[in-house]
Amino acid sequence: MACPDLTTSLFWDDETGEVISADEYPRNWLGSEMSLKLEILRQEVVSWTIQSRNT
């Protein structure tokens, strides 16, 4: 399990001590399939937001 370093946007893995970027953290924690689903959802929300501003 990775723990956040509250002074930076980096995380580290408790087991390996390896530093993990903030972008990698959700993929490691949730798994690649769920991370992909969340990224698609994020893109859809951004698209809807842009569309609503243009109407």
C-alpha atoms as a PDB file:
ATOM      1  CA  MET A   1       0.000   0.000   0.000  1.00  0.00           C
ATOM      2  CA  ALA A   2       1.259   3.459  -0.861  1.00  0.00           C
ATOM      3  CA  CYS A   3       1.243   6.298   1.639  1.00  0.00           C
ATOM      4  CA  PRO A   4       1.052   9.963   0.668  1.00  0.00           C
ATOM      5  CA  ASP A   5       3.795  12.393   1.548  1.00  0.00           C
ATOM      6  CA  LEU A   6       1.734  15.415   2.538  1.00  0.00           C
ATOM      7  CA  THR A   7       4.571  17.846   1.768  1.00  0.00           C
ATOM      8  CA  THR A   8       4.757  16.840  -1.909  1.00  0.00           C
ATOM      9  CA  SER A   9       2.577  15.363  -4.644  1.00  0.00           C
ATOM     10  CA  LEU A  10       4.556  12.118  -4.476  1.00  0.00           C
ATOM     11  CA  PHE A  11       3.613   8.865  -2.804  1.00  0.00           C
ATOM     12  CA  TRP A  12       5.792   6.005  -1.654  1.00  0.00           C
ATOM     13  CA  ASP A  13       5.238   2.279  -1.494  1.00  0.00           C
ATOM     14  CA  ASP A  14       5.515   0.945   2.076  1.00  0.00           C
ATOM     15  CA  GLU A  15       6.721  -2.447   0.880  1.00  0.00           C
ATOM     16  CA  THR A  16       9.437  -1.320  -1.522  1.00  0.00           C
ATOM     17  CA  GLY A  17      10.128   2.227  -0.335  1.00  0.00           C
ATOM     18  CA  GLU A  18       9.866   3.275  -3.982  1.00  0.00           C
ATOM     19  CA  VAL A  19       8.574   6.777  -4.770  1.00  0.00           C
ATOM     20  CA  ILE A  20       5.386   6.746  -6.842  1.00  0.00           C
ATOM     21  CA  SER A  21       4.141   9.770  -8.798  1.00  0.00           C
ATOM     22  CA  ALA A  22       0.709  11.182  -8.064  1.00  0.00           C
ATOM     23  CA  ASP A  23      -0.387   9.961 -11.517  1.00  0.00           C
ATOM     24  CA  GLU A  24       0.767   6.405 -10.846  1.00  0.00           C
ATOM     25  CA  TYR A  25      -0.756   6.161  -7.385  1.00  0.00           C
ATOM     26  CA  PRO A  26      -4.412   5.617  -8.444  1.00  0.00           C
ATOM     27  CA  ARG A  27      -3.356   3.043 -11.040  1.00  0.00           C
ATOM     28  CA  ASN A  28      -1.391   1.108  -8.432  1.00  0.00           C
ATOM     29  CA  TRP A  29      -4.099   1.360  -5.800  1.00  0.00           C
ATOM     30  CA  LEU A  30      -7.168   0.764  -7.995  1.00  0.00           C
ATOM     31  CA  GLY A  31      -5.673  -1.379 -10.722  1.00  0.00           C
ATOM     32  CA  SER A  32      -5.351  -0.558 -14.396  1.00  0.00           C
ATOM     33  CA  GLU A  33      -8.910  -1.505 -15.415  1.00  0.00           C
ATOM     34  CA  MET A  34     -10.596   0.705 -12.827  1.00  0.00           C
ATOM     35  CA  SER A  35      -8.130   3.535 -13.485  1.00  0.00           C
ATOM     36  CA  LEU A  36      -8.991   3.395 -17.187  1.00  0.00           C
ATOM     37  CA  LYS A  37     -12.720   3.556 -16.381  1.00  0.00           C
ATOM     38  CA  LEU A  38     -12.143   6.572 -14.139  1.00  0.00           C
ATOM     39  CA  GLU A  39     -10.075   8.313 -16.821  1.00  0.00           C
ATOM     40  CA  ILE A  40     -12.852   7.782 -19.383  1.00  0.00           C
ATOM     41  CA  LEU A  41     -15.398   9.141 -16.902  1.00  0.00           C
ATOM     42  CA  ARG A  42     -13.156  12.161 -16.210  1.00  0.00           C
ATOM     43  CA  GLN A  43     -12.929  12.896 -19.939  1.00  0.00           C
ATOM     44  CA  GLU A  44     -16.720  12.636 -20.283  1.00  0.00           C
ATOM     45  CA  VAL A  45     -17.287  15.049 -17.387  1.00  0.00           C
ATOM     46  CA  VAL A  46     -14.847  17.545 -18.907  1.00  0.00           C
ATOM     47  CA  SER A  47     -16.607  17.224 -22.265  1.00  0.00           C
ATOM     48  CA  TRP A  48     -20.049  17.772 -20.699  1.00  0.00           C
ATOM     49  CA  THR A  49     -18.744  20.774 -18.768  1.00  0.00           C
ATOM     50  CA  ILE A  50     -17.328  22.348 -21.921  1.00  0.00           C
ATOM     51  CA  GLN A  51     -20.571  21.687 -23.809  1.00  0.00           C
ATOM     52  CA  SER A  52     -22.690  23.244 -21.071  1.00  0.00           C
ATOM     53  CA  ARG A  53     -20.560  26.376 -21.070  1.00  0.00           C
ATOM     54  CA  ASN A  54     -20.987  26.740 -24.827  1.00  0.00           C
ATOM     55  CA  THR A  55     -24.790  26.623 -24.686  1.00  0.00           C
END
